[in-house]
Amino acid sequence: MGITLTIFIPVVLLAYAIWLVAGMVRRRRRGESVCGCGGCAGCPMAEGCRLAKKQEQDAAAAGNDTKGEKE
């Protein structure tokens, strides 16, 4: 009985972890929020994310995208 529980419990926990990660990947691919908050509107850090994304978009639009360049 002890050996079966020693094997069974970790297998169940591993399967659960894989299920959670797979669900997160599926939601991310669909463009949904991974954290489950329902989108940026309910997130306390939404303004920071939007500001960073806006700055990246503005820099790319202006031709100042420096992600791949070395200084």
C-alpha atoms as a PDB file:
ATOM      1  CA  MET A   1       0.000   0.000   0.000  1.00  0.00           C
ATOM      2  CA  GLY A   2       2.841   2.409   0.859  1.00  0.00           C
ATOM      3  CA  ILE A   3       4.628   1.940  -2.454  1.00  0.00           C
ATOM      4  CA  THR A   4       1.489   2.555  -4.466  1.00  0.00           C
ATOM      5  CA  LEU A   5       0.840   5.802  -2.610  1.00  0.00           C
ATOM      6  CA  THR A   6       4.483   6.803  -3.025  1.00  0.00           C
ATOM      7  CA  ILE A   7       4.050   6.456  -6.772  1.00  0.00           C
ATOM      8  CA  PHE A   8       0.389   7.470  -7.094  1.00  0.00           C
ATOM      9  CA  ILE A   9       0.527  10.819  -5.280  1.00  0.00           C
ATOM     10  CA  PRO A  10       3.475  12.294  -7.251  1.00  0.00           C
ATOM     11  CA  VAL A  11       1.950  11.088 -10.528  1.00  0.00           C
ATOM     12  CA  VAL A  12      -1.357  12.775  -9.684  1.00  0.00           C
ATOM     13  CA  LEU A  13       0.424  16.002  -8.676  1.00  0.00           C
ATOM     14  CA  LEU A  14       2.515  15.967 -11.856  1.00  0.00           C
ATOM     15  CA  ALA A  15      -0.575  15.388 -14.001  1.00  0.00           C
ATOM     16  CA  TYR A  16      -2.337  18.277 -12.265  1.00  0.00           C
ATOM     17  CA  ALA A  17       0.648  20.583 -12.834  1.00  0.00           C
ATOM     18  CA  ILE A  18       0.782  19.630 -16.519  1.00  0.00           C
ATOM     19  CA  TRP A  19      -2.962  20.241 -16.821  1.00  0.00           C
ATOM     20  CA  LEU A  20      -2.596  23.725 -15.273  1.00  0.00           C
ATOM     21  CA  VAL A  21       0.308  24.695 -17.536  1.00  0.00           C
ATOM     22  CA  ALA A  22      -1.454  23.375 -20.639  1.00  0.00           C
ATOM     23  CA  GLY A  23      -4.535  25.431 -19.756  1.00  0.00           C
ATOM     24  CA  MET A  24      -2.416  28.538 -19.304  1.00  0.00           C
ATOM     25  CA  VAL A  25      -0.753  27.980 -22.678  1.00  0.00           C
ATOM     26  CA  ARG A  26      -4.136  27.482 -24.390  1.00  0.00           C
ATOM     27  CA  ARG A  27      -5.514  30.698 -22.855  1.00  0.00           C
ATOM     28  CA  ARG A  28      -2.371  32.605 -23.783  1.00  0.00           C
ATOM     29  CA  ARG A  29      -2.617  31.445 -27.404  1.00  0.00           C
ATOM     30  CA  ARG A  30      -6.243  32.588 -27.531  1.00  0.00           C
ATOM     31  CA  GLY A  31      -5.157  35.985 -26.246  1.00  0.00           C
ATOM     32  CA  GLU A  32      -6.917  35.666 -22.913  1.00  0.00           C
ATOM     33  CA  SER A  33      -5.496  36.681 -19.573  1.00  0.00           C
ATOM     34  CA  VAL A  34      -3.349  33.988 -17.994  1.00  0.00           C
ATOM     35  CA  CYS A  35      -3.693  35.309 -14.460  1.00  0.00           C
ATOM     36  CA  GLY A  36      -7.464  34.909 -14.569  1.00  0.00           C
ATOM     37  CA  CYS A  37      -8.240  38.500 -13.685  1.00  0.00           C
ATOM     38  CA  GLY A  38     -10.466  38.922 -16.715  1.00  0.00           C
ATOM     39  CA  GLY A  39      -8.240  41.356 -18.573  1.00  0.00           C
ATOM     40  CA  CYS A  40      -6.264  44.499 -17.946  1.00  0.00           C
ATOM     41  CA  ALA A  41      -9.251  46.458 -16.647  1.00  0.00           C
ATOM     42  CA  GLY A  42      -9.191  44.617 -13.322  1.00  0.00           C
ATOM     43  CA  CYS A  43      -5.418  44.566 -12.917  1.00  0.00           C
ATOM     44  CA  PRO A  44      -3.789  47.064 -10.540  1.00  0.00           C
ATOM     45  CA  MET A  45      -0.700  47.140 -12.791  1.00  0.00           C
ATOM     46  CA  ALA A  46      -2.653  47.717 -16.004  1.00  0.00           C
ATOM     47  CA  GLU A  47      -1.452  51.277 -16.470  1.00  0.00           C
ATOM     48  CA  GLY A  48       2.200  50.214 -16.203  1.00  0.00           C
ATOM     49  CA  CYS A  49       1.745  47.463 -18.774  1.00  0.00           C
ATOM     50  CA  ARG A  50      -0.101  49.706 -21.169  1.00  0.00           C
ATOM     51  CA  LEU A  51       2.470  52.461 -20.779  1.00  0.00           C
ATOM     52  CA  ALA A  52       5.361  50.092 -21.527  1.00  0.00           C
ATOM     53  CA  LYS A  53       3.567  48.607 -24.539  1.00  0.00           C
ATOM     54  CA  LYS A  54       2.694  52.082 -25.836  1.00  0.00           C
ATOM     55  CA  GLN A  55       6.316  53.223 -25.510  1.00  0.00           C
ATOM     56  CA  GLU A  56       7.535  50.131 -27.387  1.00  0.00           C
ATOM     57  CA  GLN A  57       4.995  50.703 -30.155  1.00  0.00           C
ATOM     58  CA  ASP A  58       5.888  54.387 -30.424  1.00  0.00           C
ATOM     59  CA  ALA A  59       9.604  53.588 -30.591  1.00  0.00           C
ATOM     60  CA  ALA A  60       9.043  50.924 -33.253  1.00  0.00           C
ATOM     61  CA  ALA A  61       6.857  53.274 -35.285  1.00  0.00           C
ATOM     62  CA  ALA A  62       9.493  56.003 -35.120  1.00  0.00           C
ATOM     63  CA  GLY A  63      12.244  53.583 -36.201  1.00  0.00           C
ATOM     64  CA  ASN A  64      13.974  53.783 -32.843  1.00  0.00           C
ATOM     65  CA  ASP A  65      13.575  50.123 -31.983  1.00  0.00           C
ATOM     66  CA  THR A  66      16.809  49.237 -30.182  1.00  0.00           C
ATOM     67  CA  LYS A  67      15.982  45.707 -28.994  1.00  0.00           C
ATOM     68  CA  GLY A  68      18.526  44.020 -31.236  1.00  0.00           C
ATOM     69  CA  GLU A  69      21.168  46.754 -31.354  1.00  0.00           C
ATOM     70  CA  LYS A  70      24.260  47.034 -29.174  1.00  0.00           C
ATOM     71  CA  GLU A  71      25.429  50.338 -27.830  1.00  0.00           C
END
